[in-house]
N, C-alpha and C. Protein backbone atom coordinates (compact mmCIF):
# COMPACT_ATOMS: atom_id res chain seq x y z
N MET A 1 -31.45 48.28 -49.27
CA MET A 1 -32.15 47.07 -48.91
C MET A 1 -33.29 46.88 -49.91
N ASN A 2 -33.35 45.70 -50.50
CA ASN A 2 -34.41 45.37 -51.44
C ASN A 2 -35.59 44.80 -50.66
N LEU A 3 -36.76 45.39 -50.85
CA LEU A 3 -37.95 44.98 -50.10
C LEU A 3 -38.91 44.21 -50.99
N LEU A 4 -39.40 43.10 -50.48
CA LEU A 4 -40.47 42.36 -51.15
C LEU A 4 -41.73 42.60 -50.32
N ILE A 5 -42.60 43.46 -50.83
CA ILE A 5 -43.80 43.87 -50.08
C ILE A 5 -45.00 43.17 -50.69
N ARG A 6 -45.77 42.49 -49.81
CA ARG A 6 -46.97 41.81 -50.28
C ARG A 6 -48.11 42.11 -49.32
N GLY A 7 -49.32 42.02 -49.85
CA GLY A 7 -50.50 42.24 -49.04
C GLY A 7 -51.22 40.94 -48.77
N ASP A 8 -51.72 40.79 -47.58
CA ASP A 8 -52.52 39.63 -47.19
C ASP A 8 -53.89 40.17 -46.80
N HIS A 9 -54.90 39.87 -47.59
CA HIS A 9 -56.24 40.42 -47.44
C HIS A 9 -56.23 41.93 -47.65
N LEU A 10 -55.31 42.40 -48.51
CA LEU A 10 -55.13 43.82 -48.70
C LEU A 10 -54.42 44.06 -50.03
N GLU A 11 -54.89 45.06 -50.78
CA GLU A 11 -54.19 45.46 -51.99
C GLU A 11 -53.15 46.50 -51.60
N VAL A 12 -51.91 46.26 -51.99
CA VAL A 12 -50.82 47.19 -51.65
C VAL A 12 -50.80 48.29 -52.71
N THR A 13 -51.21 49.49 -52.29
CA THR A 13 -51.22 50.63 -53.21
C THR A 13 -49.82 51.20 -53.36
N LYS A 14 -49.63 52.00 -54.40
CA LYS A 14 -48.32 52.62 -54.62
C LYS A 14 -47.96 53.52 -53.44
N ALA A 15 -48.92 54.26 -52.91
CA ALA A 15 -48.64 55.14 -51.78
C ALA A 15 -48.21 54.34 -50.55
N LEU A 16 -48.86 53.23 -50.30
CA LEU A 16 -48.53 52.38 -49.16
C LEU A 16 -47.14 51.77 -49.34
N LYS A 17 -46.86 51.30 -50.56
CA LYS A 17 -45.56 50.71 -50.85
C LYS A 17 -44.45 51.75 -50.71
N ASP A 18 -44.67 52.94 -51.24
CA ASP A 18 -43.66 54.01 -51.14
C ASP A 18 -43.40 54.39 -49.68
N TYR A 19 -44.47 54.46 -48.88
CA TYR A 19 -44.32 54.81 -47.47
C TYR A 19 -43.51 53.75 -46.72
N ALA A 20 -43.83 52.48 -46.97
CA ALA A 20 -43.10 51.39 -46.31
C ALA A 20 -41.63 51.40 -46.73
N GLU A 21 -41.35 51.59 -48.01
CA GLU A 21 -39.97 51.64 -48.49
C GLU A 21 -39.19 52.79 -47.87
N LYS A 22 -39.84 53.97 -47.78
CA LYS A 22 -39.19 55.14 -47.21
C LYS A 22 -38.85 54.90 -45.73
N LYS A 23 -39.80 54.38 -44.99
CA LYS A 23 -39.59 54.16 -43.55
C LYS A 23 -38.54 53.07 -43.29
N LEU A 24 -38.61 51.98 -44.02
CA LEU A 24 -37.67 50.87 -43.82
C LEU A 24 -36.26 51.22 -44.31
N ALA A 25 -36.15 52.18 -45.20
CA ALA A 25 -34.83 52.62 -45.66
C ALA A 25 -34.02 53.22 -44.51
N ARG A 26 -34.70 53.68 -43.44
CA ARG A 26 -34.00 54.20 -42.26
C ARG A 26 -33.09 53.16 -41.64
N LEU A 27 -33.41 51.87 -41.83
CA LEU A 27 -32.62 50.81 -41.22
C LEU A 27 -31.27 50.60 -41.91
N ASP A 28 -31.14 51.06 -43.16
CA ASP A 28 -29.90 50.87 -43.91
C ASP A 28 -28.69 51.45 -43.18
N LYS A 29 -28.89 52.52 -42.44
CA LYS A 29 -27.77 53.18 -41.77
C LYS A 29 -27.13 52.30 -40.69
N TYR A 30 -27.84 51.25 -40.24
CA TYR A 30 -27.32 50.40 -39.17
C TYR A 30 -26.43 49.27 -39.68
N PHE A 31 -26.43 49.00 -40.97
CA PHE A 31 -25.69 47.85 -41.49
C PHE A 31 -24.34 48.26 -42.03
N GLU A 32 -23.35 47.44 -41.73
CA GLU A 32 -21.97 47.68 -42.16
C GLU A 32 -21.87 47.65 -43.68
N THR A 33 -22.50 46.68 -44.31
CA THR A 33 -22.49 46.55 -45.77
C THR A 33 -23.94 46.43 -46.25
N PRO A 34 -24.20 46.73 -47.51
CA PRO A 34 -25.56 46.58 -48.03
C PRO A 34 -26.01 45.13 -47.91
N LEU A 35 -27.28 44.94 -47.63
CA LEU A 35 -27.81 43.59 -47.47
C LEU A 35 -27.84 42.86 -48.79
N ALA A 36 -27.40 41.61 -48.77
CA ALA A 36 -27.38 40.80 -49.98
C ALA A 36 -28.73 40.13 -50.24
N SER A 37 -29.54 39.97 -49.19
CA SER A 37 -30.82 39.28 -49.34
C SER A 37 -31.98 40.28 -49.27
N ASP A 38 -33.14 39.81 -49.67
CA ASP A 38 -34.34 40.64 -49.69
C ASP A 38 -35.02 40.63 -48.33
N ALA A 39 -35.53 41.79 -47.94
CA ALA A 39 -36.34 41.89 -46.73
C ALA A 39 -37.79 41.62 -47.13
N HIS A 40 -38.50 40.86 -46.31
CA HIS A 40 -39.88 40.49 -46.60
C HIS A 40 -40.82 41.31 -45.72
N VAL A 41 -41.75 42.00 -46.36
CA VAL A 41 -42.72 42.82 -45.64
C VAL A 41 -44.11 42.31 -46.01
N THR A 42 -44.90 41.97 -44.99
CA THR A 42 -46.26 41.51 -45.22
C THR A 42 -47.21 42.48 -44.54
N LEU A 43 -48.11 43.04 -45.32
CA LEU A 43 -49.12 43.96 -44.81
C LEU A 43 -50.45 43.20 -44.76
N THR A 44 -51.14 43.28 -43.64
CA THR A 44 -52.41 42.56 -43.49
C THR A 44 -53.48 43.51 -43.00
N ALA A 45 -54.71 43.17 -43.33
CA ALA A 45 -55.87 43.91 -42.82
C ALA A 45 -56.96 42.89 -42.53
N VAL A 46 -57.31 42.76 -41.25
CA VAL A 46 -58.35 41.83 -40.84
C VAL A 46 -59.25 42.54 -39.84
N ARG A 47 -60.50 42.67 -40.19
CA ARG A 47 -61.51 43.29 -39.31
C ARG A 47 -61.08 44.66 -38.77
N GLY A 48 -60.54 45.49 -39.62
CA GLY A 48 -60.16 46.84 -39.22
C GLY A 48 -58.83 46.95 -38.50
N ILE A 49 -58.14 45.84 -38.31
CA ILE A 49 -56.82 45.86 -37.68
C ILE A 49 -55.77 45.68 -38.77
N HIS A 50 -54.86 46.63 -38.86
CA HIS A 50 -53.81 46.62 -39.88
C HIS A 50 -52.50 46.18 -39.26
N GLY A 51 -51.94 45.12 -39.83
CA GLY A 51 -50.70 44.57 -39.30
C GLY A 51 -49.57 44.64 -40.30
N VAL A 52 -48.37 44.73 -39.77
CA VAL A 52 -47.15 44.75 -40.59
C VAL A 52 -46.17 43.78 -39.96
N GLU A 53 -45.62 42.89 -40.78
CA GLU A 53 -44.58 41.97 -40.33
C GLU A 53 -43.39 42.14 -41.25
N VAL A 54 -42.22 42.34 -40.65
CA VAL A 54 -40.99 42.53 -41.43
C VAL A 54 -39.98 41.47 -41.00
N THR A 55 -39.40 40.77 -41.97
CA THR A 55 -38.35 39.79 -41.71
C THR A 55 -37.17 40.15 -42.61
N ILE A 56 -36.01 40.34 -41.97
CA ILE A 56 -34.81 40.70 -42.72
C ILE A 56 -33.77 39.61 -42.47
N PRO A 57 -33.52 38.74 -43.48
CA PRO A 57 -32.50 37.70 -43.30
C PRO A 57 -31.10 38.30 -43.35
N LEU A 58 -30.28 37.91 -42.38
CA LEU A 58 -28.89 38.34 -42.34
C LEU A 58 -28.03 37.09 -42.35
N ASN A 59 -26.74 37.24 -42.18
CA ASN A 59 -25.82 36.10 -42.17
C ASN A 59 -26.06 35.23 -40.95
N GLY A 60 -26.82 34.18 -41.09
CA GLY A 60 -27.01 33.23 -39.99
C GLY A 60 -28.12 33.56 -39.02
N PHE A 61 -28.77 34.69 -39.16
CA PHE A 61 -29.89 35.03 -38.29
C PHE A 61 -30.83 36.00 -38.99
N PHE A 62 -31.90 36.39 -38.31
CA PHE A 62 -32.91 37.25 -38.89
C PHE A 62 -33.21 38.41 -37.95
N LEU A 63 -33.62 39.52 -38.52
CA LEU A 63 -34.30 40.57 -37.78
C LEU A 63 -35.78 40.37 -38.06
N ARG A 64 -36.62 40.45 -37.04
CA ARG A 64 -38.05 40.25 -37.27
C ARG A 64 -38.83 41.10 -36.29
N ALA A 65 -39.88 41.75 -36.80
CA ALA A 65 -40.78 42.52 -35.94
C ALA A 65 -42.17 42.49 -36.56
N GLN A 66 -43.15 42.62 -35.68
CA GLN A 66 -44.55 42.59 -36.10
C GLN A 66 -45.33 43.58 -35.24
N GLU A 67 -46.19 44.37 -35.85
CA GLU A 67 -47.03 45.32 -35.13
C GLU A 67 -48.41 45.38 -35.76
N LYS A 68 -49.41 45.71 -34.93
CA LYS A 68 -50.79 45.85 -35.40
C LYS A 68 -51.39 47.10 -34.77
N SER A 69 -52.24 47.78 -35.55
CA SER A 69 -52.97 48.93 -35.04
C SER A 69 -54.18 49.16 -35.97
N GLU A 70 -54.92 50.21 -35.69
CA GLU A 70 -56.09 50.52 -36.52
C GLU A 70 -55.71 51.28 -37.79
N ASP A 71 -54.45 51.70 -37.90
CA ASP A 71 -53.98 52.46 -39.06
C ASP A 71 -52.73 51.81 -39.63
N MET A 72 -52.73 51.54 -40.94
CA MET A 72 -51.59 50.86 -41.57
C MET A 72 -50.32 51.69 -41.47
N TYR A 73 -50.41 52.99 -41.66
CA TYR A 73 -49.23 53.85 -41.60
C TYR A 73 -48.64 53.86 -40.19
N ALA A 74 -49.49 53.87 -39.18
CA ALA A 74 -49.01 53.81 -37.80
C ALA A 74 -48.34 52.46 -37.53
N SER A 75 -48.89 51.38 -38.07
CA SER A 75 -48.29 50.06 -37.90
C SER A 75 -46.90 50.00 -38.51
N ILE A 76 -46.75 50.61 -39.68
CA ILE A 76 -45.44 50.65 -40.34
C ILE A 76 -44.45 51.43 -39.47
N ASP A 77 -44.87 52.58 -38.96
CA ASP A 77 -44.00 53.38 -38.09
C ASP A 77 -43.58 52.58 -36.86
N MET A 78 -44.54 51.90 -36.24
CA MET A 78 -44.24 51.14 -35.02
C MET A 78 -43.29 49.98 -35.29
N VAL A 79 -43.45 49.28 -36.42
CA VAL A 79 -42.58 48.14 -36.71
C VAL A 79 -41.16 48.61 -36.99
N VAL A 80 -41.00 49.74 -37.65
CA VAL A 80 -39.65 50.28 -37.91
C VAL A 80 -39.00 50.70 -36.59
N ASP A 81 -39.78 51.35 -35.72
CA ASP A 81 -39.25 51.73 -34.40
C ASP A 81 -38.83 50.49 -33.61
N LYS A 82 -39.63 49.44 -33.68
CA LYS A 82 -39.31 48.20 -32.96
C LYS A 82 -38.02 47.58 -33.49
N LEU A 83 -37.85 47.55 -34.81
CA LEU A 83 -36.62 47.01 -35.39
C LEU A 83 -35.40 47.84 -34.98
N GLU A 84 -35.55 49.16 -34.97
CA GLU A 84 -34.43 50.01 -34.55
C GLU A 84 -34.05 49.75 -33.10
N ARG A 85 -35.05 49.59 -32.23
CA ARG A 85 -34.76 49.29 -30.82
C ARG A 85 -34.04 47.95 -30.69
N GLN A 86 -34.48 46.96 -31.44
CA GLN A 86 -33.83 45.64 -31.40
C GLN A 86 -32.38 45.76 -31.83
N ILE A 87 -32.14 46.46 -32.90
CA ILE A 87 -30.79 46.61 -33.43
C ILE A 87 -29.90 47.31 -32.42
N ARG A 88 -30.37 48.43 -31.87
CA ARG A 88 -29.55 49.17 -30.89
C ARG A 88 -29.31 48.35 -29.62
N LYS A 89 -30.31 47.62 -29.18
CA LYS A 89 -30.21 46.86 -27.93
C LYS A 89 -29.17 45.74 -28.02
N HIS A 90 -29.08 45.10 -29.15
CA HIS A 90 -28.27 43.89 -29.25
C HIS A 90 -27.01 44.05 -30.09
N LYS A 91 -26.68 45.27 -30.50
CA LYS A 91 -25.54 45.50 -31.39
C LYS A 91 -24.23 44.92 -30.87
N THR A 92 -23.85 45.28 -29.70
CA THR A 92 -22.54 44.87 -29.18
C THR A 92 -22.41 43.37 -29.06
N LYS A 93 -23.41 42.74 -28.49
CA LYS A 93 -23.35 41.28 -28.31
C LYS A 93 -23.28 40.55 -29.65
N MET A 94 -24.12 40.94 -30.57
CA MET A 94 -24.16 40.25 -31.86
C MET A 94 -22.88 40.50 -32.65
N ASN A 95 -22.37 41.73 -32.66
CA ASN A 95 -21.12 42.00 -33.37
C ASN A 95 -19.99 41.19 -32.78
N ARG A 96 -19.94 41.07 -31.46
CA ARG A 96 -18.89 40.30 -30.81
C ARG A 96 -18.97 38.83 -31.22
N LYS A 97 -20.17 38.26 -31.21
CA LYS A 97 -20.36 36.85 -31.57
C LYS A 97 -20.04 36.63 -33.06
N VAL A 98 -20.54 37.50 -33.92
CA VAL A 98 -20.31 37.35 -35.35
C VAL A 98 -18.83 37.53 -35.67
N ARG A 99 -18.19 38.51 -35.04
CA ARG A 99 -16.77 38.75 -35.27
C ARG A 99 -15.95 37.53 -34.83
N HIS A 100 -16.34 36.95 -33.71
CA HIS A 100 -15.64 35.77 -33.19
C HIS A 100 -15.81 34.57 -34.13
N GLU A 101 -17.02 34.40 -34.67
CA GLU A 101 -17.31 33.23 -35.51
C GLU A 101 -16.88 33.43 -36.96
N ARG A 102 -17.07 34.62 -37.49
CA ARG A 102 -16.85 34.82 -38.92
C ARG A 102 -15.76 35.84 -39.26
N GLY A 103 -15.35 36.62 -38.28
CA GLY A 103 -14.28 37.58 -38.51
C GLY A 103 -14.73 38.91 -39.08
N ALA A 104 -16.01 39.19 -39.16
CA ALA A 104 -16.48 40.47 -39.69
C ALA A 104 -17.74 40.89 -38.95
N ARG A 105 -17.94 42.20 -38.88
CA ARG A 105 -19.14 42.73 -38.24
C ARG A 105 -20.30 42.76 -39.23
N VAL A 106 -21.51 42.67 -38.71
CA VAL A 106 -22.71 42.80 -39.52
C VAL A 106 -23.27 44.20 -39.37
N PHE A 107 -23.25 44.73 -38.15
CA PHE A 107 -23.85 46.02 -37.87
C PHE A 107 -22.77 47.06 -37.63
N LYS A 108 -23.08 48.30 -38.01
CA LYS A 108 -22.19 49.40 -37.71
C LYS A 108 -22.13 49.56 -36.20
N GLU A 109 -21.12 50.20 -35.72
CA GLU A 109 -20.94 50.33 -34.28
C GLU A 109 -22.05 51.13 -33.61
N THR A 110 -22.85 51.85 -34.36
CA THR A 110 -23.94 52.62 -33.76
C THR A 110 -25.24 51.85 -33.71
N ALA A 111 -25.20 50.56 -34.05
CA ALA A 111 -26.44 49.79 -34.13
C ALA A 111 -26.37 48.54 -33.29
N ASP A 112 -27.54 47.97 -33.00
CA ASP A 112 -27.65 46.69 -32.31
C ASP A 112 -28.15 45.65 -33.29
N ALA A 113 -27.96 44.41 -32.96
CA ALA A 113 -28.37 43.33 -33.85
C ALA A 113 -29.52 42.56 -33.25
N THR A 114 -30.18 41.83 -34.10
CA THR A 114 -31.19 40.90 -33.64
C THR A 114 -31.02 39.60 -34.38
N ALA A 115 -31.56 38.56 -33.85
CA ALA A 115 -31.46 37.25 -34.47
C ALA A 115 -32.83 36.63 -34.52
N ALA A 116 -32.92 35.50 -35.15
CA ALA A 116 -34.22 34.86 -35.28
C ALA A 116 -34.14 33.41 -34.90
N THR A 117 -35.27 32.88 -34.72
CA THR A 117 -35.39 31.46 -34.43
C THR A 117 -36.31 30.85 -35.46
N ALA A 118 -36.19 29.59 -35.69
CA ALA A 118 -37.13 28.90 -36.55
C ALA A 118 -38.13 28.20 -35.65
N THR A 119 -39.39 28.36 -35.96
CA THR A 119 -40.44 27.76 -35.13
C THR A 119 -41.51 27.16 -36.00
N GLN A 120 -42.36 26.36 -35.39
CA GLN A 120 -43.56 25.90 -36.06
C GLN A 120 -44.68 26.80 -35.61
N LEU A 121 -45.40 27.38 -36.59
CA LEU A 121 -46.50 28.27 -36.28
C LEU A 121 -47.81 27.50 -36.44
N LEU A 122 -48.66 27.60 -35.45
CA LEU A 122 -49.93 26.90 -35.49
C LEU A 122 -51.06 27.88 -35.75
N ASP A 123 -52.02 27.49 -36.56
CA ASP A 123 -53.19 28.27 -36.85
C ASP A 123 -54.02 28.38 -35.57
N GLU A 124 -54.33 29.62 -35.14
CA GLU A 124 -55.04 29.82 -33.89
C GLU A 124 -56.44 29.24 -33.91
N GLU A 125 -57.08 29.19 -35.06
CA GLU A 125 -58.45 28.70 -35.13
C GLU A 125 -58.51 27.18 -35.18
N ASP A 126 -57.48 26.53 -35.71
CA ASP A 126 -57.50 25.08 -35.85
C ASP A 126 -56.15 24.53 -35.40
N LEU A 127 -56.01 24.26 -34.11
CA LEU A 127 -54.72 23.84 -33.57
C LEU A 127 -54.33 22.43 -33.98
N ASP A 128 -55.23 21.68 -34.63
CA ASP A 128 -54.91 20.33 -35.06
C ASP A 128 -54.13 20.31 -36.37
N GLU A 129 -54.10 21.41 -37.08
CA GLU A 129 -53.48 21.45 -38.40
C GLU A 129 -52.23 22.33 -38.36
N VAL A 130 -51.08 21.76 -38.69
CA VAL A 130 -49.84 22.53 -38.78
C VAL A 130 -49.86 23.24 -40.12
N VAL A 131 -49.77 24.57 -40.08
CA VAL A 131 -49.87 25.35 -41.30
C VAL A 131 -48.52 25.82 -41.82
N ARG A 132 -47.49 25.67 -41.01
CA ARG A 132 -46.17 26.10 -41.46
C ARG A 132 -45.11 25.32 -40.70
N THR A 133 -44.11 24.87 -41.41
CA THR A 133 -43.01 24.14 -40.79
C THR A 133 -41.71 24.80 -41.23
N LYS A 134 -40.81 24.98 -40.29
CA LYS A 134 -39.48 25.53 -40.60
C LYS A 134 -38.43 24.55 -40.14
N GLN A 135 -37.38 24.45 -40.90
CA GLN A 135 -36.23 23.63 -40.53
C GLN A 135 -35.04 24.54 -40.35
N PHE A 136 -34.17 24.19 -39.41
CA PHE A 136 -33.02 25.02 -39.16
C PHE A 136 -31.92 24.18 -38.53
N ASN A 137 -30.70 24.67 -38.65
CA ASN A 137 -29.56 24.01 -38.04
C ASN A 137 -29.45 24.48 -36.60
N LEU A 138 -29.24 23.54 -35.70
CA LEU A 138 -29.10 23.87 -34.29
C LEU A 138 -27.63 24.12 -33.98
N LYS A 139 -27.30 25.37 -33.75
CA LYS A 139 -25.94 25.74 -33.40
C LYS A 139 -25.82 25.72 -31.88
N PRO A 140 -24.83 25.05 -31.34
CA PRO A 140 -24.67 25.05 -29.89
C PRO A 140 -24.50 26.47 -29.36
N MET A 141 -25.21 26.79 -28.28
CA MET A 141 -25.11 28.11 -27.67
C MET A 141 -25.45 28.00 -26.20
N ASP A 142 -25.10 29.04 -25.45
CA ASP A 142 -25.44 29.03 -24.03
C ASP A 142 -26.83 29.62 -23.85
N LEU A 143 -27.36 29.52 -22.64
CA LEU A 143 -28.71 29.97 -22.34
C LEU A 143 -28.86 31.47 -22.59
N GLU A 144 -27.85 32.24 -22.25
CA GLU A 144 -27.91 33.69 -22.43
C GLU A 144 -28.09 34.06 -23.91
N GLU A 145 -27.35 33.40 -24.79
CA GLU A 145 -27.48 33.67 -26.22
C GLU A 145 -28.85 33.24 -26.73
N ALA A 146 -29.36 32.12 -26.24
CA ALA A 146 -30.68 31.66 -26.66
C ALA A 146 -31.76 32.67 -26.26
N ILE A 147 -31.66 33.22 -25.06
CA ILE A 147 -32.63 34.23 -24.62
C ILE A 147 -32.50 35.48 -25.49
N LEU A 148 -31.28 35.88 -25.79
CA LEU A 148 -31.02 37.03 -26.65
C LEU A 148 -31.68 36.82 -28.02
N ARG A 149 -31.45 35.67 -28.61
CA ARG A 149 -32.02 35.40 -29.93
C ARG A 149 -33.54 35.32 -29.89
N MET A 150 -34.11 34.75 -28.83
CA MET A 150 -35.57 34.69 -28.70
C MET A 150 -36.14 36.10 -28.62
N ASN A 151 -35.52 36.96 -27.83
CA ASN A 151 -36.01 38.33 -27.70
C ASN A 151 -35.86 39.12 -28.99
N MET A 152 -34.78 38.88 -29.70
CA MET A 152 -34.54 39.61 -30.93
C MET A 152 -35.56 39.27 -32.00
N VAL A 153 -36.00 38.03 -32.05
CA VAL A 153 -36.96 37.64 -33.07
C VAL A 153 -38.39 37.97 -32.64
N GLY A 154 -38.60 38.22 -31.36
CA GLY A 154 -39.93 38.60 -30.90
C GLY A 154 -40.84 37.43 -30.61
N HIS A 155 -40.31 36.24 -30.49
CA HIS A 155 -41.13 35.07 -30.16
C HIS A 155 -41.11 34.87 -28.65
N ASN A 156 -41.99 33.99 -28.16
CA ASN A 156 -42.00 33.73 -26.73
C ASN A 156 -41.35 32.39 -26.37
N PHE A 157 -40.72 31.74 -27.35
CA PHE A 157 -39.92 30.54 -27.07
C PHE A 157 -38.84 30.40 -28.12
N PHE A 158 -37.82 29.60 -27.80
CA PHE A 158 -36.70 29.40 -28.72
C PHE A 158 -36.12 28.01 -28.48
N VAL A 159 -35.95 27.25 -29.56
CA VAL A 159 -35.37 25.91 -29.49
C VAL A 159 -33.89 26.04 -29.82
N PHE A 160 -33.02 25.42 -28.99
CA PHE A 160 -31.59 25.54 -29.23
C PHE A 160 -30.85 24.32 -28.71
N SER A 161 -29.62 24.14 -29.17
CA SER A 161 -28.75 23.09 -28.69
C SER A 161 -27.90 23.69 -27.58
N ASN A 162 -28.06 23.19 -26.36
CA ASN A 162 -27.34 23.72 -25.20
C ASN A 162 -25.87 23.31 -25.30
N ALA A 163 -24.98 24.30 -25.36
CA ALA A 163 -23.54 24.04 -25.51
C ALA A 163 -22.98 23.28 -24.31
N ALA A 164 -23.55 23.49 -23.13
CA ALA A 164 -23.03 22.84 -21.93
C ALA A 164 -23.38 21.36 -21.88
N SER A 165 -24.59 21.00 -22.32
CA SER A 165 -25.03 19.61 -22.20
C SER A 165 -25.12 18.88 -23.54
N ASN A 166 -25.01 19.61 -24.66
CA ASN A 166 -25.18 19.05 -26.01
C ASN A 166 -26.56 18.44 -26.22
N LEU A 167 -27.57 18.92 -25.47
CA LEU A 167 -28.94 18.44 -25.60
C LEU A 167 -29.82 19.56 -26.15
N ILE A 168 -30.92 19.18 -26.78
CA ILE A 168 -31.88 20.15 -27.28
C ILE A 168 -32.66 20.70 -26.10
N ASN A 169 -32.73 22.03 -25.99
CA ASN A 169 -33.46 22.72 -24.92
C ASN A 169 -34.42 23.71 -25.54
N VAL A 170 -35.40 24.13 -24.75
CA VAL A 170 -36.33 25.19 -25.14
C VAL A 170 -36.35 26.22 -24.03
N VAL A 171 -36.08 27.46 -24.38
CA VAL A 171 -36.22 28.56 -23.43
C VAL A 171 -37.52 29.28 -23.79
N TYR A 172 -38.26 29.74 -22.79
CA TYR A 172 -39.53 30.42 -23.06
C TYR A 172 -39.75 31.55 -22.08
N ARG A 173 -40.60 32.51 -22.51
CA ARG A 173 -40.95 33.64 -21.67
C ARG A 173 -42.23 33.30 -20.93
N ARG A 174 -42.18 33.40 -19.62
CA ARG A 174 -43.34 33.11 -18.78
C ARG A 174 -44.28 34.32 -18.75
N ASN A 175 -45.51 34.09 -18.29
CA ASN A 175 -46.47 35.19 -18.19
C ASN A 175 -46.02 36.27 -17.22
N ASP A 176 -45.21 35.92 -16.23
CA ASP A 176 -44.72 36.92 -15.27
C ASP A 176 -43.51 37.69 -15.80
N GLY A 177 -43.10 37.44 -17.07
CA GLY A 177 -41.99 38.16 -17.68
C GLY A 177 -40.63 37.51 -17.47
N LYS A 178 -40.57 36.50 -16.63
CA LYS A 178 -39.31 35.79 -16.40
C LYS A 178 -39.16 34.69 -17.45
N TYR A 179 -38.05 33.95 -17.40
CA TYR A 179 -37.78 32.92 -18.40
C TYR A 179 -37.84 31.54 -17.78
N GLY A 180 -38.24 30.59 -18.59
CA GLY A 180 -38.23 29.18 -18.19
C GLY A 180 -37.37 28.40 -19.16
N LEU A 181 -36.89 27.26 -18.72
CA LEU A 181 -36.05 26.40 -19.55
C LEU A 181 -36.61 24.98 -19.50
N ILE A 182 -36.80 24.40 -20.65
CA ILE A 182 -37.23 23.01 -20.75
C ILE A 182 -36.05 22.21 -21.27
N GLU A 183 -35.64 21.19 -20.51
CA GLU A 183 -34.55 20.34 -20.94
C GLU A 183 -34.94 18.88 -20.72
N PRO A 184 -34.43 17.97 -21.55
CA PRO A 184 -34.80 16.56 -21.42
C PRO A 184 -34.23 15.95 -20.14
N ALA A 185 -34.96 14.99 -19.58
CA ALA A 185 -34.46 14.27 -18.41
C ALA A 185 -33.35 13.34 -18.85
N ASN A 186 -32.36 13.18 -18.02
CA ASN A 186 -31.21 12.33 -18.39
C ASN A 186 -31.48 10.89 -18.14
């Protein structure tokens, strides 16, 4: 896996880069074939909190995890552990869906898959300004798959085209841990 490692408010030292590469190389064992695209790793340091965000584009979806702690090395360890849990948790479902749609597996049988969603991210300090916009194709799916993809990407909402109604829906995680669904009125 080819890693693109960058620092945000942080200089990425050789030792830090080597550590991140070594830890993320553990994920290679879960993939059926070597990844064709680059994995993006962003290391941040803000007010003593060290964060790591990893995005791995796959065929039609993404693996994504983010962790923060007071130690950069601990954050890297935690994000790799989180990605491994996502892969193991969703392996069977994702392989079944990918095999049905494309005829080939993405993950080895010992791994789980994760997917991603495209969202608009808002700056927490200035909610009036959109700082990032993503565009994506809406593939029809059922509610269960939408929840799976939302959980795999680690977001608390997911926009999708409901296969049953052919309408745009939003599934979200409520504060009580349950899920909500927003659908347009007919």
